[in-house]
Amino acid sequence: MGLTKAIEDLIDKVTKSSEISCIKNISNIDNLVEPSLQINLYRIVQESLNNIIKHSQATEMSFIVSTSKIVISDNGVGFNATKTSAGMGIGNLAERAKLLQADSKIESGPNLGTKITLEFKRTT
C-alpha cells in the first residue's frame, strides 16, 4: 500500500467520521525513512489524529507532509505544553521522532490550538 497512501487513507477515514474539516497537503514520503521505521511515522500521525478528535474540540485540522517536515495542527482548545502531565501520547511522539532521527516540536496553549512539527535531519 505504501506509507503515503496509508497516511492519506487514515486521515480520510477519520475526517469522514468527524465534523472537523481537514486541509491536507501530502507529498510522496514512501522512501523518506527505512521500511522498518515507517510504522513510527504512521503512529505519530495516528496519535495526533486521535488527540485532535478526542481532546481538541477543534473545528479545523491541517496535515502538511513533505520529505523535509510534517506539520499537524488544529484550532482547538490547546493545552499547556510545558506540563509533563500532558499525557503519554506526547512522550511517545517524542520517542518515535528520535527513532526517525527527526526533531519534534509541540506548540500549544490554552485556547491557542496545537501544532506538532517533525523536521527530518539531513545527513547529506
Protein backbone atom coordinates (compact mmCIF):
# COMPACT_ATOMS: atom_id res chain seq x y z
CA MET A 1 0.00 0.00 0.00
CA GLY A 2 2.82 2.42 0.82
CA LEU A 3 3.27 4.86 3.68
CA THR A 4 1.90 7.86 1.79
CA LYS A 5 -1.33 6.08 0.86
CA ALA A 6 -1.70 4.61 4.36
CA ILE A 7 -1.47 8.09 5.92
CA GLU A 8 -3.88 9.58 3.36
CA ASP A 9 -6.39 6.78 3.98
CA LEU A 10 -6.11 7.18 7.76
CA ILE A 11 -6.74 10.94 7.58
CA ASP A 12 -9.64 10.47 5.12
CA LYS A 13 -11.26 7.81 7.29
CA VAL A 14 -11.10 9.95 10.43
CA THR A 15 -12.23 13.09 8.59
CA LYS A 16 -15.30 11.32 7.19
CA SER A 17 -16.32 10.14 10.65
CA SER A 18 -15.94 13.53 12.36
CA GLU A 19 -17.26 17.03 11.92
CA ILE A 20 -13.78 18.54 11.82
CA SER A 21 -12.81 19.98 8.46
CA CYS A 22 -9.40 18.97 7.19
CA ILE A 23 -6.81 20.59 4.97
CA LYS A 24 -4.12 18.23 3.77
CA ASN A 25 -1.12 18.56 1.54
CA ILE A 26 0.70 15.26 1.39
CA SER A 27 3.80 14.61 -0.71
CA ASN A 28 5.07 11.14 -1.51
CA ILE A 29 7.10 10.04 1.52
CA ASP A 30 7.29 6.32 0.77
CA ASN A 31 11.11 6.38 0.78
CA LEU A 32 11.61 9.01 3.49
CA VAL A 33 12.59 6.54 6.20
CA GLU A 34 13.67 2.92 6.30
CA PRO A 35 10.76 0.47 5.90
CA SER A 36 11.33 -0.84 9.43
CA LEU A 37 10.80 2.69 10.82
CA GLN A 38 7.76 3.66 8.75
CA ILE A 39 5.36 2.38 11.40
CA ASN A 40 6.70 5.06 13.75
CA LEU A 41 5.79 7.82 11.32
CA TYR A 42 2.35 6.31 10.78
CA ARG A 43 1.80 6.06 14.55
CA ILE A 44 2.75 9.72 15.03
CA VAL A 45 0.06 10.75 12.56
CA GLN A 46 -2.40 8.30 14.11
CA GLU A 47 -1.77 9.51 17.68
CA SER A 48 -2.05 13.13 16.57
CA LEU A 49 -5.37 12.42 14.86
CA ASN A 50 -6.66 10.62 17.94
CA ASN A 51 -5.70 13.54 20.16
CA ILE A 52 -7.39 16.04 17.86
CA ILE A 53 -10.61 14.01 17.77
CA LYS A 54 -10.69 13.16 21.49
CA HIS A 55 -9.36 16.29 23.16
CA SER A 56 -9.06 19.35 20.94
CA GLN A 57 -12.67 20.39 20.36
CA ALA A 58 -11.30 21.70 17.05
CA THR A 59 -13.35 22.67 14.01
CA GLU A 60 -10.34 22.53 11.66
CA MET A 61 -7.18 20.47 11.37
CA SER A 62 -4.31 20.55 8.93
CA PHE A 63 -1.75 17.99 7.76
CA ILE A 64 1.27 19.07 5.75
CA VAL A 65 3.54 16.15 4.91
CA SER A 66 6.72 16.59 2.92
CA THR A 67 10.14 15.00 2.66
CA SER A 68 11.62 17.61 4.99
CA LYS A 69 8.90 18.04 7.62
CA ILE A 70 5.48 17.10 8.87
CA VAL A 71 3.22 19.72 10.41
CA ILE A 72 -0.02 18.71 12.11
CA SER A 73 -2.16 21.48 13.55
CA ASP A 74 -5.65 22.23 14.84
CA ASN A 75 -7.62 25.23 16.02
CA GLY A 76 -8.82 23.55 19.20
CA VAL A 77 -8.67 24.38 22.89
CA GLY A 78 -4.97 23.57 23.19
CA PHE A 79 -3.18 22.63 26.39
CA ASN A 80 -0.23 23.74 28.46
CA ALA A 81 2.60 22.08 26.53
CA THR A 82 5.13 22.77 29.30
CA LYS A 83 3.35 20.47 31.76
CA THR A 84 4.64 16.92 31.79
CA SER A 85 1.13 15.73 32.64
CA ALA A 86 0.06 16.38 29.05
CA GLY A 87 -0.13 12.63 28.56
CA MET A 88 1.75 9.58 27.45
CA GLY A 89 0.99 10.33 23.79
CA ILE A 90 3.29 13.36 23.83
CA GLY A 91 6.15 11.28 25.26
CA ASN A 92 5.54 8.52 22.71
CA LEU A 93 5.59 11.08 19.91
CA ALA A 94 8.98 12.42 21.03
CA GLU A 95 10.43 8.90 21.32
CA ARG A 96 9.17 7.93 17.87
CA ALA A 97 10.61 11.14 16.42
CA LYS A 98 14.03 10.24 17.88
CA LEU A 99 13.85 6.83 16.22
CA LEU A 100 13.17 8.62 12.93
CA GLN A 101 16.12 10.98 13.54
CA ALA A 102 13.68 13.88 13.45
CA ASP A 103 13.39 16.92 15.68
CA SER A 104 9.95 17.28 17.22
CA LYS A 105 8.32 20.45 18.46
CA ILE A 106 4.93 20.84 20.10
CA GLU A 107 3.40 24.28 20.33
CA SER A 108 0.17 24.72 22.23
CA GLY A 109 -1.51 26.80 24.85
CA PRO A 110 -4.96 27.26 26.32
CA ASN A 111 -7.33 28.38 23.53
CA LEU A 112 -4.45 28.52 21.00
CA GLY A 113 -4.82 25.15 19.32
CA THR A 114 -1.93 22.76 18.88
CA LYS A 115 0.84 22.48 16.30
CA ILE A 116 3.16 19.48 16.06
CA THR A 117 6.20 19.76 13.81
CA LEU A 118 8.64 17.00 12.89
CA GLU A 119 11.71 18.12 10.98
CA PHE A 120 13.79 15.43 9.38
CA LYS A 121 17.54 15.77 9.75
CA ARG A 122 19.51 15.71 6.54
CA THR A 123 22.65 13.63 6.58
CA THR A 124 23.85 14.82 3.17
